[in-house]
Protein backbone atom coordinates (compact mmCIF):
# COMPACT_ATOMS: atom_id res chain seq x y z
CA UNK A 1 -0.08 -76.06 -196.74
CA UNK A 2 -2.62 -72.85 -197.01
CA UNK A 3 -6.40 -75.83 -196.85
CA UNK A 4 -4.50 -76.75 -193.84
CA UNK A 5 -4.43 -73.21 -192.44
CA UNK A 6 -7.89 -72.21 -193.78
CA UNK A 7 -9.34 -75.03 -191.77
CA UNK A 8 -7.50 -73.62 -188.38
CA UNK A 9 -8.63 -70.58 -189.75
CA UNK A 10 -12.98 -71.68 -189.46
CA UNK A 11 -12.90 -73.84 -186.59
CA UNK A 12 -11.62 -71.11 -184.31
CA UNK A 13 -13.42 -68.53 -186.03
CA UNK A 14 -16.81 -71.43 -184.86
CA UNK A 15 -15.10 -72.37 -181.56
CA UNK A 16 -14.67 -68.64 -180.72
CA UNK A 17 -19.19 -67.48 -182.27
CA UNK A 18 -20.33 -71.01 -180.51
CA UNK A 19 -21.66 -70.09 -176.58
CA UNK A 20 -19.37 -71.08 -173.94
CA UNK A 21 -20.06 -74.00 -171.52
CA UNK A 22 -20.97 -73.50 -168.36
CA UNK A 23 -20.63 -76.60 -165.50
CA UNK A 24 -22.81 -74.84 -163.17
CA UNK A 25 -26.35 -74.66 -163.08
CA UNK A 26 -27.94 -71.25 -162.52
CA UNK A 27 -28.51 -69.36 -159.31
CA UNK A 28 -32.10 -69.92 -158.44
CA UNK A 29 -34.19 -66.87 -157.99
CA UNK A 30 -32.97 -63.75 -159.03
CA UNK A 31 -30.18 -61.83 -160.75
CA UNK A 32 -28.65 -59.01 -158.50
CA UNK A 33 -27.42 -56.10 -160.57
CA UNK A 34 -23.86 -54.81 -159.30
CA UNK A 35 -23.60 -51.25 -161.29
CA UNK A 36 -20.91 -51.17 -163.69
CA UNK A 37 -18.75 -48.11 -161.97
CA UNK A 38 -17.49 -48.26 -158.22
CA UNK A 39 -19.71 -46.32 -156.17
CA UNK A 40 -18.32 -43.07 -154.54
CA UNK A 41 -20.01 -41.49 -150.78
CA UNK A 42 -17.84 -38.89 -150.80
CA UNK A 43 -20.36 -35.52 -152.15
CA UNK A 44 -16.30 -33.79 -153.84
CA UNK A 45 -15.21 -36.93 -155.39
CA UNK A 46 -16.75 -36.70 -158.94
CA UNK A 47 -19.11 -39.22 -160.14
CA UNK A 48 -21.05 -40.52 -156.67
CA UNK A 49 -22.99 -43.60 -158.51
CA UNK A 50 -23.76 -44.53 -162.69
CA UNK A 51 -24.84 -41.81 -164.79
CA UNK A 52 -23.52 -39.44 -162.45
CA UNK A 53 -26.24 -39.21 -159.65
CA UNK A 54 -25.90 -38.65 -156.05
CA UNK A 55 -26.32 -41.30 -153.46
CA UNK A 56 -28.86 -40.29 -150.84
CA UNK A 57 -27.19 -39.90 -147.33
CA UNK A 58 -27.20 -43.52 -146.29
CA UNK A 59 -30.18 -42.77 -144.22
CA UNK A 60 -28.74 -40.56 -142.01
CA UNK A 61 -29.61 -36.16 -142.79
CA UNK A 62 -27.72 -33.78 -141.04
CA UNK A 63 -29.34 -31.07 -139.38
CA UNK A 64 -29.01 -28.01 -136.58
CA UNK A 65 -29.82 -30.09 -133.85
CA UNK A 66 -27.51 -32.92 -135.64
CA UNK A 67 -24.23 -29.78 -135.94
CA UNK A 68 -25.16 -28.14 -132.41
CA UNK A 69 -24.63 -31.79 -130.69
CA UNK A 70 -21.05 -33.15 -132.28
CA UNK A 71 -19.83 -29.75 -132.19
CA UNK A 72 -21.22 -29.91 -128.12
CA UNK A 73 -19.78 -33.74 -127.82
CA UNK A 74 -16.17 -32.68 -129.32
CA UNK A 75 -15.71 -29.47 -126.98
CA UNK A 76 -16.27 -31.34 -124.22
CA UNK A 77 -14.61 -34.60 -125.07
CA UNK A 78 -11.75 -32.66 -125.87
CA UNK A 79 -12.38 -30.66 -122.08
CA UNK A 80 -11.92 -33.55 -120.08
CA UNK A 81 -9.56 -35.39 -122.71
CA UNK A 82 -7.22 -31.15 -121.78
CA UNK A 83 -6.84 -32.50 -118.39
CA UNK A 84 -2.89 -33.33 -117.56
CA UNK A 85 -2.81 -33.40 -113.96
CA UNK A 86 -5.84 -35.13 -113.51
CA UNK A 87 -5.20 -39.26 -111.49
CA UNK A 88 -4.87 -41.84 -114.44
CA UNK A 89 -7.72 -43.67 -113.88
CA UNK A 90 -10.01 -40.41 -112.85
CA UNK A 91 -9.53 -39.28 -115.62
CA UNK A 92 -10.30 -42.41 -117.64
CA UNK A 93 -13.32 -42.76 -116.02
CA UNK A 94 -14.60 -38.66 -117.07
CA UNK A 95 -13.12 -39.45 -121.31
CA UNK A 96 -15.17 -43.13 -120.86
CA UNK A 97 -18.91 -41.36 -121.62
CA UNK A 98 -17.22 -39.40 -124.31
CA UNK A 99 -15.56 -42.39 -126.26
CA UNK A 100 -16.50 -44.97 -129.02
CA UNK A 101 -16.25 -49.13 -126.94
CA UNK A 102 -12.61 -49.10 -129.34
CA UNK A 103 -11.62 -45.20 -128.26
CA UNK A 104 -12.04 -46.56 -125.32
CA UNK A 105 -9.67 -49.65 -125.49
CA UNK A 106 -7.22 -47.74 -127.09
CA UNK A 107 -6.70 -44.62 -124.63
CA UNK A 108 -7.38 -46.82 -121.72
CA UNK A 109 -3.68 -46.89 -121.60
CA UNK A 110 -2.45 -43.08 -121.85
CA UNK A 111 -1.32 -41.60 -119.00
CA UNK A 112 -3.05 -37.93 -118.93
CA UNK A 113 0.14 -36.39 -117.37
CA UNK A 114 2.13 -36.58 -121.28
CA UNK A 115 -1.53 -34.50 -123.24
CA UNK A 116 0.54 -31.12 -124.08
CA UNK A 117 -2.90 -29.49 -123.91
CA UNK A 118 -4.45 -28.42 -120.42
CA UNK A 119 -7.98 -26.25 -122.23
CA UNK A 120 -10.08 -26.33 -124.97
CA UNK A 121 -9.31 -22.82 -126.41
CA UNK A 122 -11.85 -21.66 -128.35
CA UNK A 123 -15.84 -23.30 -130.31
CA UNK A 124 -14.78 -26.92 -132.04
CA UNK A 125 -15.54 -26.05 -136.10
CA UNK A 126 -17.07 -28.38 -137.47
CA UNK A 127 -15.90 -30.68 -141.28
CA UNK A 128 -19.11 -32.37 -142.94
CA UNK A 129 -19.46 -34.67 -145.24
CA UNK A 130 -23.48 -34.04 -145.78
CA UNK A 131 -23.96 -37.30 -148.06
CA UNK A 132 -22.19 -39.15 -145.02
CA UNK A 133 -24.47 -38.64 -141.71
CA UNK A 134 -22.58 -41.17 -140.08
CA UNK A 135 -19.04 -39.70 -139.09
CA UNK A 136 -17.85 -36.36 -138.93
CA UNK A 137 -14.09 -34.44 -137.85
CA UNK A 138 -14.19 -31.36 -135.72
CA UNK A 139 -11.20 -29.03 -135.13
CA UNK A 140 -11.34 -28.17 -131.62
CA UNK A 141 -8.40 -25.05 -130.96
CA UNK A 142 -6.02 -25.88 -126.86
CA UNK A 143 -3.75 -24.23 -125.03
CA UNK A 144 -1.45 -26.88 -127.55
CA UNK A 145 -2.19 -26.63 -131.02
CA UNK A 146 -6.08 -27.53 -132.72
CA UNK A 147 -6.06 -30.80 -132.41
CA UNK A 148 -8.94 -33.04 -134.77
CA UNK A 149 -11.52 -35.14 -133.40
CA UNK A 150 -13.56 -37.44 -135.32
CA UNK A 151 -16.54 -38.11 -134.22
CA UNK A 152 -18.88 -41.29 -135.11
CA UNK A 153 -22.51 -41.72 -134.69
CA UNK A 154 -24.38 -45.60 -134.88
CA UNK A 155 -27.94 -42.88 -135.67
CA UNK A 156 -30.29 -40.55 -136.10
CA UNK A 157 -30.70 -40.52 -132.48
CA UNK A 158 -27.82 -42.09 -131.16
CA UNK A 159 -25.57 -40.07 -129.95
CA UNK A 160 -21.60 -38.72 -131.02
CA UNK A 161 -19.11 -40.35 -129.43
CA UNK A 162 -15.19 -39.90 -130.04
CA UNK A 163 -13.82 -42.05 -131.83
CA UNK A 164 -10.27 -40.42 -132.16
CA UNK A 165 -7.70 -37.04 -131.14
CA UNK A 166 -5.06 -36.35 -133.26
CA UNK A 167 -2.67 -34.11 -132.43
CA UNK A 168 -2.09 -30.67 -133.84
CA UNK A 169 0.58 -30.90 -136.23
CA UNK A 170 4.50 -30.08 -135.04
């Protein structure tokens, strides 16, 4: 009885060592290596890429001009947003110059009379992720509390656009 078990064990061992049959042809052309570890784009999230290297800034670097432009757009956009007494069409038209296409669609149905803020009360401050030159979060103080403004851009020289206004937490 031990002999058949030994033969089965040997057969399984040989099968495990044999190369697997590949029924698909090998791809023609170069193969691309993929990283074995997930790659993160946030500078504060631990290991950034295989080997612990920090990735480049995805093609856009932060400089003083980028910072100044983002602060300016956040403040001006919030100023245009915080006008509850303005007629809806005028409010939407004035605000649209600061908005991404998605935000333009999202805010087109907003009634400005429902916005609790009526003025900006201080300068915007940025929460910059040095590894992401495409987006930034700004906080803008108003008479109704501090709003968070998400700004995006499509390139180093592209203008900053507001993607979202987030009201203060209650």
